[in-house]
mmCIF file of all heavy atoms, coordinates in Angstrom:
data_MODEL
# 
_entry.id   MODEL 
# 
loop_
_atom_site.group_PDB 
_atom_site.id 
_atom_site.type_symbol 
_atom_site.label_atom_id 
_atom_site.label_alt_id 
_atom_site.label_comp_id 
_atom_site.label_asym_id 
_atom_site.label_entity_id 
_atom_site.label_seq_id 
_atom_site.pdbx_PDB_ins_code 
_atom_site.Cartn_x 
_atom_site.Cartn_y 
_atom_site.Cartn_z 
_atom_site.occupancy 
_atom_site.B_iso_or_equiv 
_atom_site.pdbx_formal_charge 
_atom_site.auth_seq_id 
_atom_site.auth_comp_id 
_atom_site.auth_asym_id 
_atom_site.auth_atom_id 
_atom_site.pdbx_PDB_model_num 
ATOM 1   N N   . ILE A 1 1  ? 72.679 96.446  -136.240 1.00 0.00 ? 1  ILE A N   1 
ATOM 2   C CA  . ILE A 1 1  ? 72.521 95.457  -135.161 1.00 0.00 ? 1  ILE A CA  1 
ATOM 3   C C   . ILE A 1 1  ? 72.203 96.221  -133.884 1.00 0.00 ? 1  ILE A C   1 
ATOM 4   O O   . ILE A 1 1  ? 72.960 97.126  -133.498 1.00 0.00 ? 1  ILE A O   1 
ATOM 5   C CB  . ILE A 1 1  ? 73.789 94.605  -134.973 1.00 0.00 ? 1  ILE A CB  1 
ATOM 6   C CG1 . ILE A 1 1  ? 74.127 93.844  -136.254 1.00 0.00 ? 1  ILE A CG1 1 
ATOM 7   C CG2 . ILE A 1 1  ? 73.602 93.631  -133.803 1.00 0.00 ? 1  ILE A CG2 1 
ATOM 8   C CD1 . ILE A 1 1  ? 75.441 93.088  -136.189 1.00 0.00 ? 1  ILE A CD1 1 
ATOM 9   N N   . ILE A 1 2  ? 71.079 95.882  -133.281 1.00 0.00 ? 2  ILE A N   1 
ATOM 10  C CA  . ILE A 1 2  ? 70.671 96.547  -132.037 1.00 0.00 ? 2  ILE A CA  1 
ATOM 11  C C   . ILE A 1 2  ? 70.902 95.581  -130.884 1.00 0.00 ? 2  ILE A C   1 
ATOM 12  O O   . ILE A 1 2  ? 70.407 94.449  -130.890 1.00 0.00 ? 2  ILE A O   1 
ATOM 13  C CB  . ILE A 1 2  ? 69.189 96.973  -132.077 1.00 0.00 ? 2  ILE A CB  1 
ATOM 14  C CG1 . ILE A 1 2  ? 68.976 98.033  -133.162 1.00 0.00 ? 2  ILE A CG1 1 
ATOM 15  C CG2 . ILE A 1 2  ? 68.758 97.544  -130.731 1.00 0.00 ? 2  ILE A CG2 1 
ATOM 16  C CD1 . ILE A 1 2  ? 68.537 97.494  -134.474 1.00 0.00 ? 2  ILE A CD1 1 
ATOM 17  N N   . VAL A 1 3  ? 71.679 96.034  -129.909 1.00 0.00 ? 3  VAL A N   1 
ATOM 18  C CA  . VAL A 1 3  ? 71.998 95.228  -128.729 1.00 0.00 ? 3  VAL A CA  1 
ATOM 19  C C   . VAL A 1 3  ? 71.266 95.818  -127.526 1.00 0.00 ? 3  VAL A C   1 
ATOM 20  O O   . VAL A 1 3  ? 71.525 96.963  -127.141 1.00 0.00 ? 3  VAL A O   1 
ATOM 21  C CB  . VAL A 1 3  ? 73.520 95.193  -128.457 1.00 0.00 ? 3  VAL A CB  1 
ATOM 22  C CG1 . VAL A 1 3  ? 73.821 94.280  -127.275 1.00 0.00 ? 3  VAL A CG1 1 
ATOM 23  C CG2 . VAL A 1 3  ? 74.283 94.764  -129.698 1.00 0.00 ? 3  VAL A CG2 1 
ATOM 24  N N   . ASN A 1 4  ? 70.354 95.054  -126.971 1.00 0.00 ? 4  ASN A N   1 
ATOM 25  C CA  . ASN A 1 4  ? 69.601 95.492  -125.790 1.00 0.00 ? 4  ASN A CA  1 
ATOM 26  C C   . ASN A 1 4  ? 70.266 94.923  -124.541 1.00 0.00 ? 4  ASN A C   1 
ATOM 27  O O   . ASN A 1 4  ? 70.206 93.717  -124.292 1.00 0.00 ? 4  ASN A O   1 
ATOM 28  C CB  . ASN A 1 4  ? 68.156 95.011  -125.882 1.00 0.00 ? 4  ASN A CB  1 
ATOM 29  C CG  . ASN A 1 4  ? 67.412 95.617  -127.058 1.00 0.00 ? 4  ASN A CG  1 
ATOM 30  O OD1 . ASN A 1 4  ? 66.981 96.762  -126.993 1.00 0.00 ? 4  ASN A OD1 1 
ATOM 31  N ND2 . ASN A 1 4  ? 67.279 94.859  -128.142 1.00 0.00 ? 4  ASN A ND2 1 
ATOM 32  N N   . VAL A 1 5  ? 70.899 95.793  -123.787 1.00 0.00 ? 5  VAL A N   1 
ATOM 33  C CA  . VAL A 1 5  ? 71.626 95.376  -122.582 1.00 0.00 ? 5  VAL A CA  1 
ATOM 34  C C   . VAL A 1 5  ? 70.766 95.662  -121.346 1.00 0.00 ? 5  VAL A C   1 
ATOM 35  O O   . VAL A 1 5  ? 70.440 96.822  -121.081 1.00 0.00 ? 5  VAL A O   1 
ATOM 36  C CB  . VAL A 1 5  ? 72.972 96.107  -122.453 1.00 0.00 ? 5  VAL A CB  1 
ATOM 37  C CG1 . VAL A 1 5  ? 73.732 95.615  -121.217 1.00 0.00 ? 5  VAL A CG1 1 
ATOM 38  C CG2 . VAL A 1 5  ? 73.813 95.934  -123.710 1.00 0.00 ? 5  VAL A CG2 1 
ATOM 39  N N   . PRO A 1 6  ? 70.388 94.640  -120.595 1.00 0.00 ? 6  PRO A N   1 
ATOM 40  C CA  . PRO A 1 6  ? 69.599 94.878  -119.381 1.00 0.00 ? 6  PRO A CA  1 
ATOM 41  C C   . PRO A 1 6  ? 70.490 95.308  -118.215 1.00 0.00 ? 6  PRO A C   1 
ATOM 42  O O   . PRO A 1 6  ? 71.716 95.178  -118.273 1.00 0.00 ? 6  PRO A O   1 
ATOM 43  C CB  . PRO A 1 6  ? 68.979 93.511  -119.106 1.00 0.00 ? 6  PRO A CB  1 
ATOM 44  C CG  . PRO A 1 6  ? 70.006 92.546  -119.614 1.00 0.00 ? 6  PRO A CG  1 
ATOM 45  C CD  . PRO A 1 6  ? 70.623 93.198  -120.830 1.00 0.00 ? 6  PRO A CD  1 
ATOM 46  N N   . ASN A 1 7  ? 69.859 95.828  -117.205 1.00 0.00 ? 7  ASN A N   1 
ATOM 47  C CA  . ASN A 1 7  ? 70.566 96.075  -115.949 1.00 0.00 ? 7  ASN A CA  1 
ATOM 48  C C   . ASN A 1 7  ? 70.880 94.710  -115.345 1.00 0.00 ? 7  ASN A C   1 
ATOM 49  O O   . ASN A 1 7  ? 69.977 93.893  -115.135 1.00 0.00 ? 7  ASN A O   1 
ATOM 50  C CB  . ASN A 1 7  ? 69.669 96.899  -115.020 1.00 0.00 ? 7  ASN A CB  1 
ATOM 51  C CG  . ASN A 1 7  ? 70.315 97.200  -113.687 1.00 0.00 ? 7  ASN A CG  1 
ATOM 52  O OD1 . ASN A 1 7  ? 71.507 96.949  -113.486 1.00 0.00 ? 7  ASN A OD1 1 
ATOM 53  N ND2 . ASN A 1 7  ? 69.539 97.729  -112.767 1.00 0.00 ? 7  ASN A ND2 1 
ATOM 54  N N   . ALA A 1 8  ? 72.131 94.441  -115.081 1.00 0.00 ? 8  ALA A N   1 
ATOM 55  C CA  . ALA A 1 8  ? 72.528 93.128  -114.577 1.00 0.00 ? 8  ALA A CA  1 
ATOM 56  C C   . ALA A 1 8  ? 71.962 92.857  -113.190 1.00 0.00 ? 8  ALA A C   1 
ATOM 57  O O   . ALA A 1 8  ? 71.770 93.778  -112.385 1.00 0.00 ? 8  ALA A O   1 
ATOM 58  C CB  . ALA A 1 8  ? 74.050 93.019  -114.545 1.00 0.00 ? 8  ALA A CB  1 
ATOM 59  N N   . ASN A 1 9  ? 71.693 91.595  -112.931 1.00 0.00 ? 9  ASN A N   1 
ATOM 60  C CA  . ASN A 1 9  ? 71.324 91.177  -111.586 1.00 0.00 ? 9  ASN A CA  1 
ATOM 61  C C   . ASN A 1 9  ? 72.460 91.530  -110.632 1.00 0.00 ? 9  ASN A C   1 
ATOM 62  O O   . ASN A 1 9  ? 73.625 91.406  -110.977 1.00 0.00 ? 9  ASN A O   1 
ATOM 63  C CB  . ASN A 1 9  ? 71.071 89.660  -111.592 1.00 0.00 ? 9  ASN A CB  1 
ATOM 64  C CG  . ASN A 1 9  ? 70.565 89.156  -110.266 1.00 0.00 ? 9  ASN A CG  1 
ATOM 65  O OD1 . ASN A 1 9  ? 71.258 89.176  -109.249 1.00 0.00 ? 9  ASN A OD1 1 
ATOM 66  N ND2 . ASN A 1 9  ? 69.335 88.667  -110.268 1.00 0.00 ? 9  ASN A ND2 1 
ATOM 67  N N   . ARG A 1 10 ? 72.123 91.962  -109.438 1.00 0.00 ? 10 ARG A N   1 
ATOM 68  C CA  . ARG A 1 10 ? 73.162 92.394  -108.497 1.00 0.00 ? 10 ARG A CA  1 
ATOM 69  C C   . ARG A 1 10 ? 74.169 91.288  -108.199 1.00 0.00 ? 10 ARG A C   1 
ATOM 70  O O   . ARG A 1 10 ? 75.332 91.565  -107.889 1.00 0.00 ? 10 ARG A O   1 
ATOM 71  C CB  . ARG A 1 10 ? 72.553 92.901  -107.194 1.00 0.00 ? 10 ARG A CB  1 
ATOM 72  C CG  . ARG A 1 10 ? 71.853 91.845  -106.352 1.00 0.00 ? 10 ARG A CG  1 
ATOM 73  C CD  . ARG A 1 10 ? 71.324 92.433  -105.050 1.00 0.00 ? 10 ARG A CD  1 
ATOM 74  N NE  . ARG A 1 10 ? 70.613 91.457  -104.256 1.00 0.00 ? 10 ARG A NE  1 
ATOM 75  C CZ  . ARG A 1 10 ? 71.178 90.599  -103.438 1.00 0.00 ? 10 ARG A CZ  1 
ATOM 76  N NH1 . ARG A 1 10 ? 72.495 90.578  -103.318 1.00 0.00 ? 10 ARG A NH1 1 
ATOM 77  N NH2 . ARG A 1 10 ? 70.453 89.755  -102.735 1.00 0.00 ? 10 ARG A NH2 1 
ATOM 78  N N   . LYS A 1 11 ? 73.734 90.012  -108.317 1.00 0.00 ? 11 LYS A N   1 
ATOM 79  C CA  . LYS A 1 11 ? 74.653 88.908  -108.048 1.00 0.00 ? 11 LYS A CA  1 
ATOM 80  C C   . LYS A 1 11 ? 75.672 88.723  -109.166 1.00 0.00 ? 11 LYS A C   1 
ATOM 81  O O   . LYS A 1 11 ? 76.676 88.022  -108.982 1.00 0.00 ? 11 LYS A O   1 
ATOM 82  C CB  . LYS A 1 11 ? 73.859 87.619  -107.808 1.00 0.00 ? 11 LYS A CB  1 
ATOM 83  C CG  . LYS A 1 11 ? 73.068 87.647  -106.506 1.00 0.00 ? 11 LYS A CG  1 
ATOM 84  C CD  . LYS A 1 11 ? 72.453 86.294  -106.188 1.00 0.00 ? 11 LYS A CD  1 
ATOM 85  C CE  . LYS A 1 11 ? 71.747 86.334  -104.838 1.00 0.00 ? 11 LYS A CE  1 
ATOM 86  N NZ  . LYS A 1 11 ? 71.182 85.013  -104.462 1.00 0.00 ? 11 LYS A NZ  1 
ATOM 87  N N   . ASP A 1 12 ? 75.417 89.327  -110.341 1.00 0.00 ? 12 ASP A N   1 
ATOM 88  C CA  . ASP A 1 12 ? 76.365 89.252  -111.447 1.00 0.00 ? 12 ASP A CA  1 
ATOM 89  C C   . ASP A 1 12 ? 77.312 90.448  -111.486 1.00 0.00 ? 12 ASP A C   1 
ATOM 90  O O   . ASP A 1 12 ? 78.281 90.459  -112.240 1.00 0.00 ? 12 ASP A O   1 
ATOM 91  C CB  . ASP A 1 12 ? 75.624 89.178  -112.789 1.00 0.00 ? 12 ASP A CB  1 
ATOM 92  C CG  . ASP A 1 12 ? 74.871 87.878  -112.958 1.00 0.00 ? 12 ASP A CG  1 
ATOM 93  O OD1 . ASP A 1 12 ? 75.369 86.849  -112.470 1.00 0.00 ? 12 ASP A OD1 1 
ATOM 94  O OD2 . ASP A 1 12 ? 73.783 87.893  -113.579 1.00 0.00 ? 12 ASP A OD2 1 
ATOM 95  N N   . LYS A 1 13 ? 77.003 91.473  -110.711 1.00 0.00 ? 13 LYS A N   1 
ATOM 96  C CA  . LYS A 1 13 ? 77.820 92.690  -110.723 1.00 0.00 ? 13 LYS A CA  1 
ATOM 97  C C   . LYS A 1 13 ? 79.035 92.547  -109.823 1.00 0.00 ? 13 LYS A C   1 
ATOM 98  O O   . LYS A 1 13 ? 78.998 91.801  -108.848 1.00 0.00 ? 13 LYS A O   1 
ATOM 99  C CB  . LYS A 1 13 ? 76.984 93.883  -110.259 1.00 0.00 ? 13 LYS A CB  1 
ATOM 100 C CG  . LYS A 1 13 ? 75.869 94.262  -111.224 1.00 0.00 ? 13 LYS A CG  1 
ATOM 101 C CD  . LYS A 1 13 ? 75.105 95.476  -110.709 1.00 0.00 ? 13 LYS A CD  1 
ATOM 102 C CE  . LYS A 1 13 ? 73.966 95.843  -111.651 1.00 0.00 ? 13 LYS A CE  1 
ATOM 103 N NZ  . LYS A 1 13 ? 73.216 96.999  -111.162 1.00 0.00 ? 13 LYS A NZ  1 
ATOM 104 N N   . PRO A 1 14 ? 80.104 93.253  -110.139 1.00 0.00 ? 14 PRO A N   1 
ATOM 105 C CA  . PRO A 1 14 ? 80.235 94.135  -111.285 1.00 0.00 ? 14 PRO A CA  1 
ATOM 106 C C   . PRO A 1 14 ? 80.493 93.370  -112.578 1.00 0.00 ? 14 PRO A C   1 
ATOM 107 O O   . PRO A 1 14 ? 81.171 92.344  -112.568 1.00 0.00 ? 14 PRO A O   1 
ATOM 108 C CB  . PRO A 1 14 ? 81.432 95.008  -110.929 1.00 0.00 ? 14 PRO A CB  1 
ATOM 109 C CG  . PRO A 1 14 ? 82.290 94.109  -110.090 1.00 0.00 ? 14 PRO A CG  1 
ATOM 110 C CD  . PRO A 1 14 ? 81.315 93.295  -109.281 1.00 0.00 ? 14 PRO A CD  1 
ATOM 111 N N   . ILE A 1 15 ? 79.960 93.874  -113.687 1.00 0.00 ? 15 ILE A N   1 
ATOM 112 C CA  . ILE A 1 15 ? 80.306 93.370  -115.009 1.00 0.00 ? 15 ILE A CA  1 
ATOM 113 C C   . ILE A 1 15 ? 81.544 94.134  -115.450 1.00 0.00 ? 15 ILE A C   1 
ATOM 114 O O   . ILE A 1 15 ? 81.514 95.362  -115.543 1.00 0.00 ? 15 ILE A O   1 
ATOM 115 C CB  . ILE A 1 15 ? 79.162 93.599  -116.016 1.00 0.00 ? 15 ILE A CB  1 
ATOM 116 C CG1 . ILE A 1 15 ? 77.874 92.920  -115.540 1.00 0.00 ? 15 ILE A CG1 1 
ATOM 117 C CG2 . ILE A 1 15 ? 79.566 93.110  -117.399 1.00 0.00 ? 15 ILE A CG2 1 
ATOM 118 C CD1 . ILE A 1 15 ? 77.933 91.413  -115.483 1.00 0.00 ? 15 ILE A CD1 1 
ATOM 119 N N   . TYR A 1 16 ? 82.640 93.422  -115.679 1.00 0.00 ? 16 TYR A N   1 
ATOM 120 C CA  . TYR A 1 16 ? 83.883 94.111  -116.042 1.00 0.00 ? 16 TYR A CA  1 
ATOM 121 C C   . TYR A 1 16 ? 84.538 93.431  -117.238 1.00 0.00 ? 16 TYR A C   1 
ATOM 122 O O   . TYR A 1 16 ? 84.137 92.339  -117.656 1.00 0.00 ? 16 TYR A O   1 
ATOM 123 C CB  . TYR A 1 16 ? 84.849 94.159  -114.851 1.00 0.00 ? 16 TYR A CB  1 
ATOM 124 C CG  . TYR A 1 16 ? 85.177 92.820  -114.233 1.00 0.00 ? 16 TYR A CG  1 
ATOM 125 C CD1 . TYR A 1 16 ? 86.259 92.066  -114.693 1.00 0.00 ? 16 TYR A CD1 1 
ATOM 126 C CD2 . TYR A 1 16 ? 84.426 92.314  -113.178 1.00 0.00 ? 16 TYR A CD2 1 
ATOM 127 C CE1 . TYR A 1 16 ? 86.569 90.832  -114.122 1.00 0.00 ? 16 TYR A CE1 1 
ATOM 128 C CE2 . TYR A 1 16 ? 84.718 91.086  -112.604 1.00 0.00 ? 16 TYR A CE2 1 
ATOM 129 C CZ  . TYR A 1 16 ? 85.793 90.352  -113.074 1.00 0.00 ? 16 TYR A CZ  1 
ATOM 130 O OH  . TYR A 1 16 ? 86.099 89.142  -112.517 1.00 0.00 ? 16 TYR A OH  1 
ATOM 131 N N   . ILE A 1 17 ? 85.545 94.084  -117.799 1.00 0.00 ? 17 ILE A N   1 
ATOM 132 C CA  . ILE A 1 17 ? 86.185 93.576  -119.011 1.00 0.00 ? 17 ILE A CA  1 
ATOM 133 C C   . ILE A 1 17 ? 87.681 93.366  -118.795 1.00 0.00 ? 17 ILE A C   1 
ATOM 134 O O   . ILE A 1 17 ? 88.265 93.872  -117.837 1.00 0.00 ? 17 ILE A O   1 
ATOM 135 C CB  . ILE A 1 17 ? 85.958 94.526  -120.202 1.00 0.00 ? 17 ILE A CB  1 
ATOM 136 C CG1 . ILE A 1 17 ? 86.553 95.912  -119.921 1.00 0.00 ? 17 ILE A CG1 1 
ATOM 137 C CG2 . ILE A 1 17 ? 84.471 94.637  -120.512 1.00 0.00 ? 17 ILE A CG2 1 
ATOM 138 C CD1 . ILE A 1 17 ? 86.453 96.882  -121.095 1.00 0.00 ? 17 ILE A CD1 1 
ATOM 139 N N   . ASN A 1 18 ? 88.257 92.590  -119.700 1.00 0.00 ? 18 ASN A N   1 
ATOM 140 C CA  . ASN A 1 18 ? 89.710 92.327  -119.719 1.00 0.00 ? 18 ASN A CA  1 
ATOM 141 C C   . ASN A 1 18 ? 90.228 91.681  -118.445 1.00 0.00 ? 18 ASN A C   1 
ATOM 142 O O   . ASN A 1 18 ? 91.373 91.910  -118.034 1.00 0.00 ? 18 ASN A O   1 
ATOM 143 C CB  . ASN A 1 18 ? 90.486 93.622  -120.018 1.00 0.00 ? 18 ASN A CB  1 
ATOM 144 C CG  . ASN A 1 18 ? 90.121 94.190  -121.383 1.00 0.00 ? 18 ASN A CG  1 
ATOM 145 O OD1 . ASN A 1 18 ? 89.878 93.442  -122.330 1.00 0.00 ? 18 ASN A OD1 1 
ATOM 146 N ND2 . ASN A 1 18 ? 90.067 95.513  -121.493 1.00 0.00 ? 18 ASN A ND2 1 
ATOM 147 N N   . ASN A 1 19 ? 89.350 90.911  -117.792 1.00 0.00 ? 19 ASN A N   1 
ATOM 148 C CA  . ASN A 1 19 ? 89.749 90.108  -116.632 1.00 0.00 ? 19 ASN A CA  1 
ATOM 149 C C   . ASN A 1 19 ? 90.309 90.940  -115.486 1.00 0.00 ? 19 ASN A C   1 
ATOM 150 O O   . ASN A 1 19 ? 91.117 90.453  -114.698 1.00 0.00 ? 19 ASN A O   1 
ATOM 151 C CB  . ASN A 1 19 ? 90.791 89.048  -117.059 1.00 0.00 ? 19 ASN A CB  1 
ATOM 152 C CG  . ASN A 1 19 ? 90.795 87.844  -116.142 1.00 0.00 ? 19 ASN A CG  1 
ATOM 153 O OD1 . ASN A 1 19 ? 89.781 87.499  -115.539 1.00 0.00 ? 19 ASN A OD1 1 
ATOM 154 N ND2 . ASN A 1 19 ? 91.940 87.200  -116.018 1.00 0.00 ? 19 ASN A ND2 1 
ATOM 155 N N   . ASN A 1 20 ? 89.877 92.201  -115.408 1.00 0.00 ? 20 ASN A N   1 
ATOM 156 C CA  . ASN A 1 20 ? 90.389 93.075  -114.350 1.00 0.00 ? 20 ASN A CA  1 
ATOM 157 C C   . ASN A 1 20 ? 89.284 94.003  -113.855 1.00 0.00 ? 20 ASN A C   1 
ATOM 158 O O   . ASN A 1 20 ? 88.971 94.997  -114.514 1.00 0.00 ? 20 ASN A O   1 
ATOM 159 C CB  . ASN A 1 20 ? 91.570 93.900  -114.881 1.00 0.00 ? 20 ASN A CB  1 
ATOM 160 C CG  . ASN A 1 20 ? 92.305 94.628  -113.763 1.00 0.00 ? 20 ASN A CG  1 
ATOM 161 O OD1 . ASN A 1 20 ? 91.716 95.009  -112.758 1.00 0.00 ? 20 ASN A OD1 1 
ATOM 162 N ND2 . ASN A 1 20 ? 93.591 94.819  -113.945 1.00 0.00 ? 20 ASN A ND2 1 
ATOM 163 N N   . PRO A 1 21 ? 88.687 93.718  -112.706 1.00 0.00 ? 21 PRO A N   1 
ATOM 164 C CA  . PRO A 1 21 ? 87.601 94.566  -112.211 1.00 0.00 ? 21 PRO A CA  1 
ATOM 165 C C   . PRO A 1 21 ? 88.047 95.970  -111.830 1.00 0.00 ? 21 PRO A C   1 
ATOM 166 O O   . PRO A 1 21 ? 87.248 96.901  -111.862 1.00 0.00 ? 21 PRO A O   1 
ATOM 167 C CB  . PRO A 1 21 ? 87.085 93.804  -110.986 1.00 0.00 ? 21 PRO A CB  1 
ATOM 168 C CG  . PRO A 1 21 ? 88.236 92.968  -110.556 1.00 0.00 ? 21 PRO A CG  1 
ATOM 169 C CD  . PRO A 1 21 ? 88.955 92.582  -111.802 1.00 0.00 ? 21 PRO A CD  1 
ATOM 170 N N   . ILE A 1 22 ? 89.326 96.128  -111.474 1.00 0.00 ? 22 ILE A N   1 
ATOM 171 C CA  . ILE A 1 22 ? 89.802 97.443  -111.051 1.00 0.00 ? 22 ILE A CA  1 
ATOM 172 C C   . ILE A 1 22 ? 89.848 98.421  -112.213 1.00 0.00 ? 22 ILE A C   1 
ATOM 173 O O   . ILE A 1 22 ? 89.449 99.583  -112.088 1.00 0.00 ? 22 ILE A O   1 
ATOM 174 C CB  . ILE A 1 22 ? 91.209 97.338  -110.402 1.00 0.00 ? 22 ILE A CB  1 
ATOM 175 C CG1 . ILE A 1 22 ? 91.182 96.332  -109.252 1.00 0.00 ? 22 ILE A CG1 1 
ATOM 176 C CG2 . ILE A 1 22 ? 91.663 98.712  -109.904 1.00 0.00 ? 22 ILE A CG2 1 
ATOM 177 C CD1 . ILE A 1 22 ? 90.175 96.631  -108.172 1.00 0.00 ? 22 ILE A CD1 1 
ATOM 178 N N   . THR A 1 23 ? 90.325 97.986  -113.368 1.00 0.00 ? 23 THR A N   1 
ATOM 179 C CA  . THR A 1 23 ? 90.435 98.875  -114.531 1.00 0.00 ? 23 THR A CA  1 
ATOM 180 C C   . THR A 1 23 ? 89.344 98.639  -115.566 1.00 0.00 ? 23 THR A C   1 
ATOM 181 O O   . THR A 1 23 ? 89.222 99.422  -116.512 1.00 0.00 ? 23 THR A O   1 
ATOM 182 C CB  . THR A 1 23 ? 91.805 98.701  -115.214 1.00 0.00 ? 23 THR A CB  1 
ATOM 183 O OG1 . THR A 1 23 ? 91.928 97.334  -115.677 1.00 0.00 ? 23 THR A OG1 1 
ATOM 184 C CG2 . THR A 1 23 ? 92.938 98.999  -114.252 1.00 0.00 ? 23 THR A CG2 1 
ATOM 185 N N   . GLY A 1 24 ? 88.547 97.588  -115.396 1.00 0.00 ? 24 GLY A N   1 
ATOM 186 C CA  . GLY A 1 24 ? 87.582 97.229  -116.429 1.00 0.00 ? 24 GLY A CA  1 
ATOM 187 C C   . GLY A 1 24 ? 86.129 97.313  -116.037 1.00 0.00 ? 24 GLY A C   1 
ATOM 188 O O   . GLY A 1 24 ? 85.266 96.780  -116.732 1.00 0.00 ? 24 GLY A O   1 
ATOM 189 N N   . THR A 1 25 ? 85.817 98.004  -114.935 1.00 0.00 ? 25 THR A N   1 
ATOM 190 C CA  . THR A 1 25 ? 84.429 98.165  -114.496 1.00 0.00 ? 25 THR A CA  1 
ATOM 191 C C   . THR A 1 25 ? 83.959 99.579  -114.810 1.00 0.00 ? 25 THR A C   1 
ATOM 192 O O   . THR A 1 25 ? 84.603 100.549 -114.412 1.00 0.00 ? 25 THR A O   1 
ATOM 193 C CB  . THR A 1 25 ? 84.284 97.896  -112.994 1.00 0.00 ? 25 THR A CB  1 
ATOM 194 O OG1 . THR A 1 25 ? 84.719 96.566  -112.703 1.00 0.00 ? 25 THR A OG1 1 
ATOM 195 C CG2 . THR A 1 25 ? 82.833 98.046  -112.550 1.00 0.00 ? 25 THR A CG2 1 
ATOM 196 N N   . TYR A 1 26 ? 82.821 99.677  -115.502 1.00 0.00 ? 26 TYR A N   1 
ATOM 197 C CA  . TYR A 1 26 ? 82.317 100.987 -115.937 1.00 0.00 ? 26 TYR A CA  1 
ATOM 198 C C   . TYR A 1 26 ? 80.875 101.198 -115.485 1.00 0.00 ? 26 TYR A C   1 
ATOM 199 O O   . TYR A 1 26 ? 80.129 100.260 -115.238 1.00 0.00 ? 26 TYR A O   1 
ATOM 200 C CB  . TYR A 1 26 ? 82.383 101.095 -117.459 1.00 0.00 ? 26 TYR A CB  1 
ATOM 201 C CG  . TYR A 1 26 ? 83.787 101.156 -118.007 1.00 0.00 ? 26 TYR A CG  1 
ATOM 202 C CD1 . TYR A 1 26 ? 84.530 99.983  -118.177 1.00 0.00 ? 26 TYR A CD1 1 
ATOM 203 C CD2 . TYR A 1 26 ? 84.384 102.369 -118.347 1.00 0.00 ? 26 TYR A CD2 1 
ATOM 204 C CE1 . TYR A 1 26 ? 85.829 100.031 -118.667 1.00 0.00 ? 26 TYR A CE1 1 
ATOM 205 C CE2 . TYR A 1 26 ? 85.681 102.422 -118.843 1.00 0.00 ? 26 TYR A CE2 1 
ATOM 206 C CZ  . TYR A 1 26 ? 86.396 101.249 -119.003 1.00 0.00 ? 26 TYR A CZ  1 
ATOM 207 O OH  . TYR A 1 26 ? 87.685 101.288 -119.487 1.00 0.00 ? 26 TYR A OH  1 
ATOM 208 N N   . LYS A 1 27 ? 80.513 102.487 -115.399 1.00 0.00 ? 27 LYS A N   1 
ATOM 209 C CA  . LYS A 1 27 ? 79.128 102.892 -115.171 1.00 0.00 ? 27 LYS A CA  1 
ATOM 210 C C   . LYS A 1 27 ? 78.776 103.992 -116.171 1.00 0.00 ? 27 LYS A C   1 
ATOM 211 O O   . LYS A 1 27 ? 79.648 104.651 -116.731 1.00 0.00 ? 27 LYS A O   1 
ATOM 212 C CB  . LYS A 1 27 ? 78.921 103.382 -113.740 1.00 0.00 ? 27 LYS A CB  1 
ATOM 213 C CG  . LYS A 1 27 ? 78.601 102.262 -112.759 1.00 0.00 ? 27 LYS A CG  1 
ATOM 214 C CD  . LYS A 1 27 ? 77.974 102.804 -111.487 1.00 0.00 ? 27 LYS A CD  1 
ATOM 215 C CE  . LYS A 1 27 ? 77.404 101.671 -110.641 1.00 0.00 ? 27 LYS A CE  1 
ATOM 216 N NZ  . LYS A 1 27 ? 76.691 102.176 -109.457 1.00 0.00 ? 27 LYS A NZ  1 
ATOM 217 N N   . ARG A 1 28 ? 77.481 104.163 -116.399 1.00 0.00 ? 28 ARG A N   1 
ATOM 218 C CA  . ARG A 1 28 ? 76.991 105.132 -117.377 1.00 0.00 ? 28 ARG A CA  1 
ATOM 219 C C   . ARG A 1 28 ? 76.540 106.403 -116.684 1.00 0.00 ? 28 ARG A C   1 
ATOM 220 O O   . ARG A 1 28 ? 75.718 106.366 -115.757 1.00 0.00 ? 28 ARG A O   1 
ATOM 221 C CB  . ARG A 1 28 ? 75.822 104.530 -118.161 1.00 0.00 ? 28 ARG A CB  1 
ATOM 222 C CG  . ARG A 1 28 ? 75.357 105.382 -119.344 1.00 0.00 ? 28 ARG A CG  1 
ATOM 223 C CD  . ARG A 1 28 ? 76.292 105.255 -120.515 1.00 0.00 ? 28 ARG A CD  1 
ATOM 224 N NE  . ARG A 1 28 ? 75.728 105.889 -121.714 1.00 0.00 ? 28 ARG A NE  1 
ATOM 225 C CZ  . ARG A 1 28 ? 76.323 105.859 -122.894 1.00 0.00 ? 28 ARG A CZ  1 
ATOM 226 N NH1 . ARG A 1 28 ? 77.469 105.215 -123.053 1.00 0.00 ? 28 ARG A NH1 1 
ATOM 227 N NH2 . ARG A 1 28 ? 75.777 106.459 -123.947 1.00 0.00 ? 28 ARG A NH2 1 
ATOM 228 N N   . TYR A 1 29 ? 77.094 107.535 -117.135 1.00 0.00 ? 29 TYR A N   1 
ATOM 229 C CA  . TYR A 1 29 ? 76.677 108.847 -116.667 1.00 0.00 ? 29 TYR A CA  1 
ATOM 230 C C   . TYR A 1 29 ? 76.448 109.724 -117.892 1.00 0.00 ? 29 TYR A C   1 
ATOM 231 O O   . TYR A 1 29 ? 77.340 109.878 -118.727 1.00 0.00 ? 29 TYR A O   1 
ATOM 232 C CB  . TYR A 1 29 ? 77.715 109.476 -115.751 1.00 0.00 ? 29 TYR A CB  1 
ATOM 233 C CG  . TYR A 1 29 ? 77.924 108.708 -114.459 1.00 0.00 ? 29 TYR A CG  1 
ATOM 234 C CD1 . TYR A 1 29 ? 79.017 107.850 -114.312 1.00 0.00 ? 29 TYR A CD1 1 
ATOM 235 C CD2 . TYR A 1 29 ? 77.031 108.821 -113.406 1.00 0.00 ? 29 TYR A CD2 1 
ATOM 236 C CE1 . TYR A 1 29 ? 79.208 107.131 -113.134 1.00 0.00 ? 29 TYR A CE1 1 
ATOM 237 C CE2 . TYR A 1 29 ? 77.213 108.107 -112.229 1.00 0.00 ? 29 TYR A CE2 1 
ATOM 238 C CZ  . TYR A 1 29 ? 78.306 107.266 -112.107 1.00 0.00 ? 29 TYR A CZ  1 
ATOM 239 O OH  . TYR A 1 29 ? 78.487 106.552 -110.945 1.00 0.00 ? 29 TYR A OH  1 
# 
């Protein structure tokens, strides 16, 4: 299964998980 994830629109950012932006927001390096 290939998942193509686009760069989110700035109005949707940050995209975070587990209902917590402080501990659930990530970036790719």
